[in-house]
Structure formats: structure tokens, C-alpha cells
Amino acid sequence: MTLWLTLLGMGLVTYAIRAVPLLALDRRPMPPRLRQALRFVPPAVLSAIVFPEMLWPGGRFDLSLANDRLLAGLLAIAVAWFSKNVLLTIGLGLLTLWLLQAL
């Protein structure tokens, strides 16, 4: 029972941390500079998640051609840059990673 109460409490705290600022700022106009700055949050978070996996696979820094994740990631970056298509980027990146790992 303690485990379930702990999980429920953690879920409520996590929800409150996200909901309170949204509800508090809902009726106030957002300054244009803040709105512009918030546009950079999703790419920054995605980069913080993806780049460590690309550059430090297995816990060690690897910029070699033997790093499958780096090669697949670089291809995905190029596809994203030129196509602007998220599904194509994800699909080709995953396919490339699977093919490189199979070889």
C-alpha cells in the first residue's frame, strides 16, 4: 500500500508542478519576448536527449565511423534539414541505424 500511495503522491506533485503555472498564466497575456524564447524549448530539450546518445554510446565519447548512432543521427539531421518532414526523418534515421547495427 505504501508503494501505491507514494506513486500516487509523486504523480499528483508532478501534475501540480506543471498545472499551476499554466493555470496561473492562462488569463494573462504573454509578453512577446517570452513567447519567442519559449519557441526554443522543444529543440533544446530534444537536443539534450538525443545528442548524448549519439556522441556517448555506451558511456564513452565516440566520434569515429564505427559509431552507428552518430552516422544514423547525421543522416537524420541532413534529411530533416532538406525535407522538413518529421516522419521521413524518423523513418530513415531508424532504418539507417538498424541497417548499420545489422552489418
Protein backbone atom coordinates (compact mmCIF):
# COMPACT_ATOMS: atom_id res chain seq x y z
CA MET A 1 0.00 0.00 0.00
CA THR A 2 2.90 2.34 0.76
CA LEU A 3 4.23 1.92 -2.76
CA TRP A 4 0.89 2.85 -4.34
CA LEU A 5 0.45 5.88 -2.08
CA THR A 6 3.99 7.00 -2.92
CA LEU A 7 3.34 6.64 -6.65
CA LEU A 8 0.03 8.48 -6.38
CA GLY A 9 1.65 11.28 -4.37
CA MET A 10 4.50 11.61 -6.85
CA GLY A 11 2.02 11.74 -9.72
CA LEU A 12 -0.02 14.48 -8.02
CA VAL A 13 3.09 16.55 -7.26
CA THR A 14 4.31 16.17 -10.85
CA TYR A 15 0.90 17.19 -12.18
CA ALA A 16 0.70 20.18 -9.83
CA ILE A 17 4.16 21.41 -10.82
CA ARG A 18 3.03 21.52 -14.45
CA ALA A 19 -0.57 22.62 -13.98
CA VAL A 20 -0.19 25.50 -11.52
CA PRO A 21 1.92 27.76 -13.80
CA LEU A 22 -0.32 27.00 -16.77
CA LEU A 23 -3.46 27.83 -14.84
CA ALA A 24 -1.92 30.92 -13.24
CA LEU A 25 -0.71 32.32 -16.58
CA ASP A 26 -3.79 31.30 -18.56
CA ARG A 27 -5.62 34.60 -18.18
CA ARG A 28 -2.60 36.85 -18.54
CA PRO A 29 -1.20 37.98 -21.87
CA MET A 30 2.25 36.56 -22.53
CA PRO A 31 4.96 39.10 -23.38
CA PRO A 32 6.22 38.71 -26.96
CA ARG A 33 9.83 38.14 -25.84
CA LEU A 34 8.77 35.30 -23.54
CA ARG A 35 6.68 33.76 -26.31
CA GLN A 36 9.67 34.00 -28.66
CA ALA A 37 12.02 32.47 -26.06
CA LEU A 38 9.64 29.57 -25.36
CA ARG A 39 9.79 28.56 -29.03
CA PHE A 40 13.36 27.34 -28.38
CA VAL A 41 12.44 25.00 -25.52
CA PRO A 42 11.37 21.92 -27.59
CA PRO A 43 14.53 21.85 -29.77
CA ALA A 44 16.72 22.38 -26.72
CA VAL A 45 15.07 19.52 -24.82
CA LEU A 46 15.20 17.21 -27.83
CA SER A 47 18.89 18.01 -28.33
CA ALA A 48 19.60 17.32 -24.67
CA ILE A 49 18.02 13.89 -25.04
CA VAL A 50 19.38 12.88 -28.46
CA PHE A 51 22.97 14.18 -28.61
CA PRO A 52 24.33 12.31 -25.56
CA GLU A 53 23.09 9.04 -27.10
CA MET A 54 24.71 9.91 -30.41
CA LEU A 55 28.05 11.09 -29.05
CA TRP A 56 28.45 8.93 -25.92
CA PRO A 57 27.15 5.47 -26.80
CA GLY A 58 27.90 3.00 -24.03
CA GLY A 59 29.15 5.77 -21.76
CA ARG A 60 32.25 6.76 -23.74
CA PHE A 61 32.80 9.59 -26.21
CA ASP A 62 32.95 8.26 -29.79
CA LEU A 63 33.28 10.38 -32.94
CA SER A 64 34.50 7.53 -35.14
CA LEU A 65 32.90 5.98 -38.21
CA ALA A 66 32.29 2.87 -36.08
CA ASN A 67 29.63 4.79 -34.11
CA ASP A 68 26.39 3.61 -35.74
CA ARG A 69 24.25 6.05 -33.77
CA LEU A 70 26.32 9.02 -34.86
CA LEU A 71 26.16 8.04 -38.53
CA ALA A 72 22.41 7.43 -38.42
CA GLY A 73 21.92 10.68 -36.50
CA LEU A 74 23.92 12.69 -39.01
CA LEU A 75 21.86 11.23 -41.84
CA ALA A 76 18.66 12.06 -39.94
CA ILE A 77 19.87 15.64 -39.41
CA ALA A 78 20.53 16.00 -43.15
CA VAL A 79 17.13 14.53 -44.05
CA ALA A 80 15.41 16.86 -41.57
CA TRP A 81 17.30 19.87 -42.90
CA PHE A 82 16.41 19.28 -46.53
CA SER A 83 13.00 17.63 -46.35
CA LYS A 84 11.43 19.32 -43.29
CA ASN A 85 9.45 16.06 -42.94
CA VAL A 86 9.44 14.64 -39.41
CA LEU A 87 8.14 11.17 -40.31
CA LEU A 88 10.65 10.77 -43.14
CA THR A 89 13.45 11.88 -40.82
CA ILE A 90 12.49 9.41 -38.10
CA GLY A 91 11.91 6.59 -40.57
CA LEU A 92 15.20 6.98 -42.44
CA GLY A 93 17.14 7.54 -39.23
CA LEU A 94 15.77 4.36 -37.65
CA LEU A 95 16.19 2.33 -40.82
CA THR A 96 19.79 3.51 -41.16
CA LEU A 97 20.55 2.67 -37.53
CA TRP A 98 19.05 -0.81 -37.87
CA LEU A 99 20.96 -1.48 -41.09
CA LEU A 100 24.26 -0.28 -39.62
CA GLN A 101 23.76 -2.39 -36.49
CA ALA A 102 22.95 -5.44 -38.61
CA LEU A 103 26.18 -5.10 -40.62
